[in-house]
């Protein structure tokens, strides 16, 4: 699926620092503007709103299940025009 194909659809935005800018920039990179219809700081609320058919979202983690807490189901689609992946750094305190 191309992210640009969703430009006319409502976006459910995970509205957290850094995340909101990253997700909006992914859509903007396709030459379109996102139609942000819902904003939430809860990852699971994003999934639930999408499962209810209220819009689409872009998330950068894959949950263990396709079912939301309410029992509704969401589908994971890979984006062809989603831009570069995020760099991930892991740090820990050794014993």
PDB file of N, CA and C in Angstrom:
ATOM      1  N   UNK A   1       0.837  -1.175   0.000  1.00  0.00           N
ATOM      2  CA  UNK A   1       0.000   0.000   0.000  1.00  0.00           C
ATOM      3  C   UNK A   1       0.880   1.235   0.000  1.00  0.00           C
ATOM      4  N   UNK A   2       0.475   2.226  -0.754  1.00  0.00           N
ATOM      5  CA  UNK A   2       1.168   3.511  -0.759  1.00  0.00           C
ATOM      6  C   UNK A   2       0.491   4.458   0.228  1.00  0.00           C
ATOM      7  N   UNK A   3       1.279   5.103   1.041  1.00  0.00           N
ATOM      8  CA  UNK A   3       0.752   6.060   2.012  1.00  0.00           C
ATOM      9  C   UNK A   3       0.024   7.197   1.309  1.00  0.00           C
ATOM     10  N   UNK A   4       0.485   7.581   0.141  1.00  0.00           N
ATOM     11  CA  UNK A   4      -0.165   8.656  -0.613  1.00  0.00           C
ATOM     12  C   UNK A   4      -1.611   8.302  -0.964  1.00  0.00           C
ATOM     13  N   UNK A   5      -1.907   7.007  -1.114  1.00  0.00           N
ATOM     14  CA  UNK A   5      -3.273   6.581  -1.431  1.00  0.00           C
ATOM     15  C   UNK A   5      -4.243   6.860  -0.293  1.00  0.00           C
ATOM     16  N   UNK A   6      -3.722   7.056   0.904  1.00  0.00           N
ATOM     17  CA  UNK A   6      -4.569   7.290   2.072  1.00  0.00           C
ATOM     18  C   UNK A   6      -4.763   8.771   2.377  1.00  0.00           C
ATOM     19  N   UNK A   7      -4.227   9.648   1.549  1.00  0.00           N
ATOM     20  CA  UNK A   7      -4.242  11.083   1.856  1.00  0.00           C
ATOM     21  C   UNK A   7      -5.641  11.667   2.001  1.00  0.00           C
ATOM     22  N   UNK A   8      -6.626  11.070   1.364  1.00  0.00           N
ATOM     23  CA  UNK A   8      -8.007  11.557   1.480  1.00  0.00           C
ATOM     24  C   UNK A   8      -8.734  10.981   2.697  1.00  0.00           C
ATOM     25  N   UNK A   9      -8.106  10.013   3.355  1.00  0.00           N
ATOM     26  CA  UNK A   9      -8.723   9.348   4.509  1.00  0.00           C
ATOM     27  C   UNK A   9      -8.348  10.066   5.799  1.00  0.00           C
ATOM     28  N   UNK A  10      -9.193   9.970   6.833  1.00  0.00           N
ATOM     29  CA  UNK A  10      -8.850  10.583   8.118  1.00  0.00           C
ATOM     30  C   UNK A  10      -7.711   9.827   8.807  1.00  0.00           C
ATOM     31  N   UNK A  11      -6.795  10.589   9.386  1.00  0.00           N
ATOM     32  CA  UNK A  11      -5.644  10.031  10.092  1.00  0.00           C
ATOM     33  C   UNK A  11      -5.908  10.052  11.587  1.00  0.00           C
ATOM     34  N   UNK A  12      -5.646   8.943  12.246  1.00  0.00           N
ATOM     35  CA  UNK A  12      -5.660   8.860  13.706  1.00  0.00           C
ATOM     36  C   UNK A  12      -4.200   8.980  14.127  1.00  0.00           C
ATOM     37  N   UNK A  13      -3.856  10.085  14.747  1.00  0.00           N
ATOM     38  CA  UNK A  13      -2.462  10.423  15.030  1.00  0.00           C
ATOM     39  C   UNK A  13      -2.077  10.045  16.451  1.00  0.00           C
ATOM     40  N   UNK A  14      -0.985   9.291  16.585  1.00  0.00           N
ATOM     41  CA  UNK A  14      -0.386   9.069  17.899  1.00  0.00           C
ATOM     42  C   UNK A  14       0.336  10.363  18.246  1.00  0.00           C
ATOM     43  N   UNK A  15      -0.250  11.135  19.144  1.00  0.00           N
ATOM     44  CA  UNK A  15       0.171  12.506  19.416  1.00  0.00           C
ATOM     45  C   UNK A  15       1.112  12.566  20.616  1.00  0.00           C
ATOM     46  N   UNK A  16       2.324  12.100  20.390  1.00  0.00           N
ATOM     47  CA  UNK A  16       3.368  12.137  21.414  1.00  0.00           C
ATOM     48  C   UNK A  16       4.542  12.949  20.876  1.00  0.00           C
ATOM     49  N   UNK A  17       5.349  13.524  21.775  1.00  0.00           N
ATOM     50  CA  UNK A  17       6.527  14.251  21.301  1.00  0.00           C
ATOM     51  C   UNK A  17       7.356  13.370  20.372  1.00  0.00           C
ATOM     52  N   UNK A  18       7.858  13.926  19.347  1.00  0.00           N
ATOM     53  CA  UNK A  18       8.664  13.266  18.310  1.00  0.00           C
ATOM     54  C   UNK A  18       7.812  12.383  17.407  1.00  0.00           C
ATOM     55  N   UNK A  19       6.919  11.581  17.965  1.00  0.00           N
ATOM     56  CA  UNK A  19       6.083  10.690  17.152  1.00  0.00           C
ATOM     57  C   UNK A  19       5.195  11.487  16.211  1.00  0.00           C
ATOM     58  N   UNK A  20       4.529  12.517  16.736  1.00  0.00           N
ATOM     59  CA  UNK A  20       3.595  13.285  15.903  1.00  0.00           C
ATOM     60  C   UNK A  20       4.317  13.890  14.702  1.00  0.00           C
ATOM     61  N   UNK A  21       5.496  14.436  14.939  1.00  0.00           N
ATOM     62  CA  UNK A  21       6.256  15.046  13.838  1.00  0.00           C
ATOM     63  C   UNK A  21       6.721  13.994  12.845  1.00  0.00           C
ATOM     64  N   UNK A  22       7.171  12.870  13.340  1.00  0.00           N
ATOM     65  CA  UNK A  22       7.645  11.795  12.465  1.00  0.00           C
ATOM     66  C   UNK A  22       6.522  11.279  11.575  1.00  0.00           C
ATOM     67  N   UNK A  23       5.366  10.960  12.151  1.00  0.00           N
ATOM     68  CA  UNK A  23       4.262  10.416  11.366  1.00  0.00           C
ATOM     69  C   UNK A  23       3.719  11.431  10.367  1.00  0.00           C
ATOM     70  N   UNK A  24       3.617  12.684  10.794  1.00  0.00           N
ATOM     71  CA  UNK A  24       3.158  13.721   9.859  1.00  0.00           C
ATOM     72  C   UNK A  24       4.154  13.918   8.729  1.00  0.00           C
ATOM     73  N   UNK A  25       5.443  13.819   9.020  1.00  0.00           N
ATOM     74  CA  UNK A  25       6.458  13.993   7.978  1.00  0.00           C
ATOM     75  C   UNK A  25       6.418  12.844   6.970  1.00  0.00           C
ATOM     76  N   UNK A  26       6.065  11.653   7.409  1.00  0.00           N
ATOM     77  CA  UNK A  26       5.941  10.531   6.475  1.00  0.00           C
ATOM     78  C   UNK A  26       4.878  10.816   5.423  1.00  0.00           C
ATOM     79  N   UNK A  27       3.738  11.334   5.879  1.00  0.00           N
ATOM     80  CA  UNK A  27       2.662  11.658   4.940  1.00  0.00           C
ATOM     81  C   UNK A  27       3.076  12.834   4.067  1.00  0.00           C
ATOM     82  N   UNK A  28       3.656  13.849   4.668  1.00  0.00           N
ATOM     83  CA  UNK A  28       4.067  15.033   3.902  1.00  0.00           C
ATOM     84  C   UNK A  28       5.100  14.676   2.837  1.00  0.00           C
ATOM     85  N   UNK A  29       5.941  13.695   3.096  1.00  0.00           N
ATOM     86  CA  UNK A  29       6.966  13.283   2.129  1.00  0.00           C
ATOM     87  C   UNK A  29       6.353  12.715   0.851  1.00  0.00           C
ATOM     88  N   UNK A  30       5.082  12.335   0.890  1.00  0.00           N
ATOM     89  CA  UNK A  30       4.402  11.830  -0.301  1.00  0.00           C
ATOM     90  C   UNK A  30       3.838  12.975  -1.142  1.00  0.00           C
ATOM     91  N   UNK A  31       4.007  14.220  -0.659  1.00  0.00           N
ATOM     92  CA  UNK A  31       3.481  15.375  -1.384  1.00  0.00           C
ATOM     93  C   UNK A  31       2.033  15.678  -1.052  1.00  0.00           C
ATOM     94  N   UNK A  32       1.515  15.049  -0.006  1.00  0.00           N
ATOM     95  CA  UNK A  32       0.131  15.286   0.415  1.00  0.00           C
ATOM     96  C   UNK A  32       0.128  15.787   1.850  1.00  0.00           C
ATOM     97  N   UNK A  33      -0.999  16.284   2.279  1.00  0.00           N
ATOM     98  CA  UNK A  33      -1.147  16.740   3.663  1.00  0.00           C
ATOM     99  C   UNK A  33      -2.070  15.778   4.403  1.00  0.00           C
ATOM    100  N   UNK A  34      -1.692  15.352   5.605  1.00  0.00           N
ATOM    101  CA  UNK A  34      -2.551  14.434   6.345  1.00  0.00           C
ATOM    102  C   UNK A  34      -3.817  15.126   6.832  1.00  0.00           C
ATOM    103  N   UNK A  35      -4.926  14.404   6.806  1.00  0.00           N
ATOM    104  CA  UNK A  35      -6.190  14.895   7.360  1.00  0.00           C
ATOM    105  C   UNK A  35      -6.308  14.334   8.770  1.00  0.00           C
ATOM    106  N   UNK A  36      -5.658  15.014   9.732  1.00  0.00           N
ATOM    107  CA  UNK A  36      -5.649  14.537  11.111  1.00  0.00           C
ATOM    108  C   UNK A  36      -7.038  14.756  11.704  1.00  0.00           C
ATOM    109  N   UNK A  37      -7.743  13.684  11.936  1.00  0.00           N
ATOM    110  CA  UNK A  37      -9.104  13.763  12.454  1.00  0.00           C
ATOM    111  C   UNK A  37      -9.152  13.491  13.950  1.00  0.00           C
ATOM    112  N   UNK A  38      -8.273  12.619  14.422  1.00  0.00           N
ATOM    113  CA  UNK A  38      -8.240  12.265  15.844  1.00  0.00           C
ATOM    114  C   UNK A  38      -6.794  12.288  16.309  1.00  0.00           C
ATOM    115  N   UNK A  39      -6.606  12.714  17.561  1.00  0.00           N
ATOM    116  CA  UNK A  39      -5.288  12.730  18.194  1.00  0.00           C
ATOM    117  C   UNK A  39      -5.420  12.076  19.558  1.00  0.00           C
ATOM    118  N   UNK A  40      -4.467  11.254  19.885  1.00  0.00           N
ATOM    119  CA  UNK A  40      -4.459  10.648  21.204  1.00  0.00           C
ATOM    120  C   UNK A  40      -3.030  10.320  21.592  1.00  0.00           C
ATOM    121  N   UNK A  41      -2.776  10.291  22.878  1.00  0.00           N
ATOM    122  CA  UNK A  41      -1.451   9.934  23.372  1.00  0.00           C
ATOM    123  C   UNK A  41      -1.374   8.452  23.730  1.00  0.00           C
ATOM    124  N   UNK A  42      -2.433   7.717  23.457  1.00  0.00           N
ATOM    125  CA  UNK A  42      -2.496   6.296  23.796  1.00  0.00           C
ATOM    126  C   UNK A  42      -2.377   5.426  22.548  1.00  0.00           C
ATOM    127  N   UNK A  43      -1.378   4.572  22.539  1.00  0.00           N
ATOM    128  CA  UNK A  43      -1.166   3.644  21.429  1.00  0.00           C
ATOM    129  C   UNK A  43      -2.397   2.757  21.229  1.00  0.00           C
ATOM    130  N   UNK A  44      -2.952   2.263  22.313  1.00  0.00           N
ATOM    131  CA  UNK A  44      -4.109   1.360  22.203  1.00  0.00           C
ATOM    132  C   UNK A  44      -5.365   2.110  21.762  1.00  0.00           C
ATOM    133  N   UNK A  45      -5.508   3.369  22.128  1.00  0.00           N
ATOM    134  CA  UNK A  45      -6.649   4.148  21.647  1.00  0.00           C
ATOM    135  C   UNK A  45      -6.552   4.359  20.147  1.00  0.00           C
ATOM    136  N   UNK A  46      -5.344   4.595  19.636  1.00  0.00           N
ATOM    137  CA  UNK A  46      -5.145   4.693  18.186  1.00  0.00           C
ATOM    138  C   UNK A  46      -5.656   3.419  17.524  1.00  0.00           C
ATOM    139  N   UNK A  47      -5.229   2.275  18.019  1.00  0.00           N
ATOM    140  CA  UNK A  47      -5.635   0.995  17.436  1.00  0.00           C
ATOM    141  C   UNK A  47      -7.144   0.799  17.506  1.00  0.00           C
ATOM    142  N   UNK A  48      -7.748   1.192  18.622  1.00  0.00           N
ATOM    143  CA  UNK A  48      -9.193   1.028  18.784  1.00  0.00           C
ATOM    144  C   UNK A  48      -9.981   1.925  17.827  1.00  0.00           C
ATOM    145  N   UNK A  49      -9.544   3.168  17.645  1.00  0.00           N
ATOM    146  CA  UNK A  49     -10.228   4.069  16.715  1.00  0.00           C
ATOM    147  C   UNK A  49     -10.129   3.546  15.281  1.00  0.00           C
ATOM    148  N   UNK A  50      -8.966   3.034  14.919  1.00  0.00           N
ATOM    149  CA  UNK A  50      -8.793   2.459  13.585  1.00  0.00           C
ATOM    150  C   UNK A  50      -9.675   1.223  13.430  1.00  0.00           C
ATOM    151  N   UNK A  51      -9.716   0.376  14.444  1.00  0.00           N
ATOM    152  CA  UNK A  51     -10.531  -0.843  14.388  1.00  0.00           C
ATOM    153  C   UNK A  51     -12.016  -0.527  14.239  1.00  0.00           C
ATOM    154  N   UNK A  52     -12.434   0.637  14.726  1.00  0.00           N
ATOM    155  CA  UNK A  52     -13.833   1.049  14.601  1.00  0.00           C
ATOM    156  C   UNK A  52     -14.115   1.714  13.255  1.00  0.00           C
ATOM    157  N   UNK A  53     -13.105   1.799  12.400  1.00  0.00           N
ATOM    158  CA  UNK A  53     -13.298   2.355  11.065  1.00  0.00           C
ATOM    159  C   UNK A  53     -13.277   3.870  11.006  1.00  0.00           C
ATOM    160  N   UNK A  54     -12.696   4.514  12.014  1.00  0.00           N
ATOM    161  CA  UNK A  54     -12.706   5.971  12.064  1.00  0.00           C
ATOM    162  C   UNK A  54     -11.520   6.618  11.353  1.00  0.00           C
ATOM    163  N   UNK A  55     -10.616   5.816  10.828  1.00  0.00           N
ATOM    164  CA  UNK A  55      -9.471   6.348  10.115  1.00  0.00           C
ATOM    165  C   UNK A  55      -8.368   5.314  10.040  1.00  0.00           C
ATOM    166  N   UNK A  56      -7.226   5.765   9.541  1.00  0.00           N
ATOM    167  CA  UNK A  56      -6.042   4.914   9.476  1.00  0.00           C
ATOM    168  C   UNK A  56      -4.978   5.529  10.363  1.00  0.00           C
ATOM    169  N   UNK A  57      -3.942   4.789  10.641  1.00  0.00           N
ATOM    170  CA  UNK A  57      -2.822   5.324  11.387  1.00  0.00           C
ATOM    171  C   UNK A  57      -1.541   4.676  10.896  1.00  0.00           C
ATOM    172  N   UNK A  58      -0.447   5.311  11.217  1.00  0.00           N
ATOM    173  CA  UNK A  58       0.877   4.759  10.953  1.00  0.00           C
ATOM    174  C   UNK A  58       1.535   4.593  12.316  1.00  0.00           C
ATOM    175  N   UNK A  59       1.933   3.378  12.610  1.00  0.00           N
ATOM    176  CA  UNK A  59       2.616   3.095  13.874  1.00  0.00           C
ATOM    177  C   UNK A  59       3.904   2.360  13.559  1.00  0.00           C
ATOM    178  N   UNK A  60       4.900   2.519  14.389  1.00  0.00           N
ATOM    179  CA  UNK A  60       6.186   1.912  14.083  1.00  0.00           C
ATOM    180  C   UNK A  60       6.553   0.759  15.005  1.00  0.00           C
ATOM    181  N   UNK A  61       5.556   0.125  15.550  1.00  0.00           N
ATOM    182  CA  UNK A  61       5.791  -1.112  16.281  1.00  0.00           C
ATOM    183  C   UNK A  61       4.678  -2.093  15.974  1.00  0.00           C
ATOM    184  N   UNK A  62       5.007  -3.338  16.025  1.00  0.00           N
ATOM    185  CA  UNK A  62       4.053  -4.393  15.690  1.00  0.00           C
ATOM    186  C   UNK A  62       3.597  -5.060  16.987  1.00  0.00           C
ATOM    187  N   UNK A  63       2.319  -4.902  17.340  1.00  0.00           N
ATOM    188  CA  UNK A  63       1.829  -5.549  18.564  1.00  0.00           C
ATOM    189  C   UNK A  63       1.747  -7.064  18.395  1.00  0.00           C
ATOM    190  N   UNK A  64       1.648  -7.759  19.503  1.00  0.00           N
ATOM    191  CA  UNK A  64       1.611  -9.219  19.477  1.00  0.00           C
ATOM    192  C   UNK A  64       0.304  -9.764  18.907  1.00  0.00           C
ATOM    193  N   UNK A  65      -0.737  -8.962  18.922  1.00  0.00           N
ATOM    194  CA  UNK A  65      -2.045  -9.423  18.454  1.00  0.00           C
ATOM    195  C   UNK A  65      -2.698  -8.381  17.551  1.00  0.00           C
ATOM    196  N   UNK A  66      -3.556  -8.838  16.665  1.00  0.00           N
ATOM    197  CA  UNK A  66      -4.288  -7.913  15.799  1.00  0.00           C
ATOM    198  C   UNK A  66      -5.598  -7.474  16.432  1.00  0.00           C
ATOM    199  N   UNK A  67      -5.901  -7.956  17.630  1.00  0.00           N
ATOM    200  CA  UNK A  67      -7.132  -7.577  18.321  1.00  0.00           C
ATOM    201  C   UNK A  67      -6.863  -6.449  19.313  1.00  0.00           C
ATOM    202  N   UNK A  68      -7.781  -5.501  19.369  1.00  0.00           N
ATOM    203  CA  UNK A  68      -7.681  -4.406  20.324  1.00  0.00           C
ATOM    204  C   UNK A  68      -8.247  -4.864  21.657  1.00  0.00           C
ATOM    205  N   UNK A  69      -8.123  -4.013  22.666  1.00  0.00           N
ATOM    206  CA  UNK A  69      -8.662  -4.350  23.982  1.00  0.00           C
ATOM    207  C   UNK A  69     -10.168  -4.560  23.934  1.00  0.00           C
ATOM    208  N   UNK A  70     -10.852  -3.894  23.000  1.00  0.00           N
ATOM    209  CA  UNK A  70     -12.304  -4.045  22.884  1.00  0.00           C
ATOM    210  C   UNK A  70     -12.703  -5.305  22.116  1.00  0.00           C
ATOM    211  N   UNK A  71     -11.710  -5.996  21.557  1.00  0.00           N
ATOM    212  CA  UNK A  71     -11.994  -7.215  20.799  1.00  0.00           C
ATOM    213  C   UNK A  71     -12.093  -6.996  19.307  1.00  0.00           C
ATOM    214  N   UNK A  72     -12.090  -5.739  18.868  1.00  0.00           N
ATOM    215  CA  UNK A  72     -12.131  -5.443  17.434  1.00  0.00           C
ATOM    216  C   UNK A  72     -10.764  -5.779  16.832  1.00  0.00           C
ATOM    217  N   UNK A  73     -10.721  -5.886  15.520  1.00  0.00           N
ATOM    218  CA  UNK A  73      -9.489  -6.309  14.859  1.00  0.00           C
ATOM    219  C   UNK A  73      -8.954  -5.219  13.939  1.00  0.00           C
ATOM    220  N   UNK A  74      -7.636  -5.115  13.894  1.00  0.00           N
ATOM    221  CA  UNK A  74      -6.957  -4.208  12.978  1.00  0.00           C
ATOM    222  C   UNK A  74      -6.072  -5.027  12.058  1.00  0.00           C
ATOM    223  N   UNK A  75      -5.769  -4.476  10.896  1.00  0.00           N
ATOM    224  CA  UNK A  75      -4.910  -5.157   9.937  1.00  0.00           C
ATOM    225  C   UNK A  75      -3.614  -4.368   9.769  1.00  0.00           C
ATOM    226  N   UNK A  76      -2.524  -5.074   9.687  1.00  0.00           N
ATOM    227  CA  UNK A  76      -1.222  -4.465   9.467  1.00  0.00           C
ATOM    228  C   UNK A  76      -0.921  -4.498   7.974  1.00  0.00           C
ATOM    229  N   UNK A  77      -0.580  -3.340   7.428  1.00  0.00           N
ATOM    230  CA  UNK A  77      -0.209  -3.245   6.018  1.00  0.00           C
ATOM    231  C   UNK A  77       1.178  -2.649   5.914  1.00  0.00           C
ATOM    232  N   UNK A  78       1.970  -3.149   5.019  1.00  0.00           N
ATOM    233  CA  UNK A  78       3.305  -2.594   4.791  1.00  0.00           C
ATOM    234  C   UNK A  78       3.197  -1.431   3.811  1.00  0.00           C
ATOM    235  N   UNK A  79       3.945  -0.385   4.064  1.00  0.00           N
ATOM    236  CA  UNK A  79       3.932   0.798   3.208  1.00  0.00           C
ATOM    237  C   UNK A  79       5.078   0.734   2.212  1.00  0.00           C
ATOM    238  N   UNK A  80       4.784   1.035   0.973  1.00  0.00           N
ATOM    239  CA  UNK A  80       5.831   1.082  -0.051  1.00  0.00           C
ATOM    240  C   UNK A  80       6.518   2.440  -0.065  1.00  0.00           C
ATOM    241  N   UNK A  81       5.802   3.489   0.338  1.00  0.00           N
ATOM    242  CA  UNK A  81       6.373   4.834   0.307  1.00  0.00           C
ATOM    243  C   UNK A  81       6.471   5.431   1.708  1.00  0.00           C
ATOM    244  N   UNK A  82       6.792   4.617   2.681  1.00  0.00           N
ATOM    245  CA  UNK A  82       6.816   5.059   4.069  1.00  0.00           C
ATOM    246  C   UNK A  82       8.087   5.734   4.523  1.00  0.00           C
ATOM    247  N   UNK A  83       9.031   5.913   3.620  1.00  0.00           N
ATOM    248  CA  UNK A  83      10.256   6.601   4.001  1.00  0.00           C
ATOM    249  C   UNK A  83      11.230   5.678   4.705  1.00  0.00           C
ATOM    250  N   UNK A  84      12.336   6.237   5.163  1.00  0.00           N
ATOM    251  CA  UNK A  84      13.369   5.413   5.803  1.00  0.00           C
ATOM    252  C   UNK A  84      12.918   4.942   7.187  1.00  0.00           C
ATOM    253  N   UNK A  85      13.414   3.783   7.616  1.00  0.00           N
ATOM    254  CA  UNK A  85      13.060   3.299   8.952  1.00  0.00           C
ATOM    255  C   UNK A  85      13.718   4.151  10.029  1.00  0.00           C
ATOM    256  N   UNK A  86      13.200   4.060  11.220  1.00  0.00           N
ATOM    257  CA  UNK A  86      13.791   4.768  12.355  1.00  0.00           C
ATOM    258  C   UNK A  86      15.027   4.035  12.836  1.00  0.00           C
ATOM    259  N   UNK A  87      16.012   4.793  13.293  1.00  0.00           N
ATOM    260  CA  UNK A  87      17.164   4.190  13.951  1.00  0.00           C
ATOM    261  C   UNK A  87      16.773   3.881  15.390  1.00  0.00           C
ATOM    262  N   UNK A  88      17.184   2.744  15.863  1.00  0.00           N
ATOM    263  CA  UNK A  88      16.889   2.341  17.241  1.00  0.00           C
ATOM    264  C   UNK A  88      18.206   2.118  17.951  1.00  0.00           C
ATOM    265  N   UNK A  89      18.304   2.669  19.147  1.00  0.00           N
ATOM    266  CA  UNK A  89      19.495   2.493  19.968  1.00  0.00           C
ATOM    267  C   UNK A  89      19.077   1.849  21.277  1.00  0.00           C
ATOM    268  N   UNK A  90      19.821   0.852  21.684  1.00  0.00           N
ATOM    269  CA  UNK A  90      19.547   0.157  22.931  1.00  0.00           C
ATOM    270  C   UNK A  90      20.701   0.406  23.874  1.00  0.00           C
ATOM    271  N   UNK A  91      20.379   0.794  25.092  1.00  0.00           N
ATOM    272  CA  UNK A  91      21.398   1.008  26.100  1.00  0.00           C
ATOM    273  C   UNK A  91      20.983   0.286  27.378  1.00  0.00           C
ATOM    274  N   UNK A  92      21.948  -0.237  28.079  1.00  0.00           N
ATOM    275  CA  UNK A  92      21.642  -0.883  29.347  1.00  0.00           C
ATOM    276  C   UNK A  92      22.824  -0.745  30.280  1.00  0.00           C
ATOM    277  N   UNK A  93      22.561  -0.915  31.571  1.00  0.00           N
ATOM    278  CA  UNK A  93      23.608  -0.865  32.578  1.00  0.00           C
ATOM    279  C   UNK A  93      24.040  -2.301  32.823  1.00  0.00           C
ATOM    280  N   UNK A  94      25.283  -2.588  32.559  1.00  0.00           N
ATOM    281  CA  UNK A  94      25.814  -3.941  32.760  1.00  0.00           C
ATOM    282  C   UNK A  94      26.048  -4.233  34.231  1.00  0.00           C
ATOM    283  N   UNK A  95      26.025  -5.493  34.553  1.00  0.00           N
ATOM    284  CA  UNK A  95      26.235  -5.893  35.957  1.00  0.00           C
ATOM    285  C   UNK A  95      27.697  -6.015  36.275  1.00  0.00           C
TER     286      UNK A  95
END
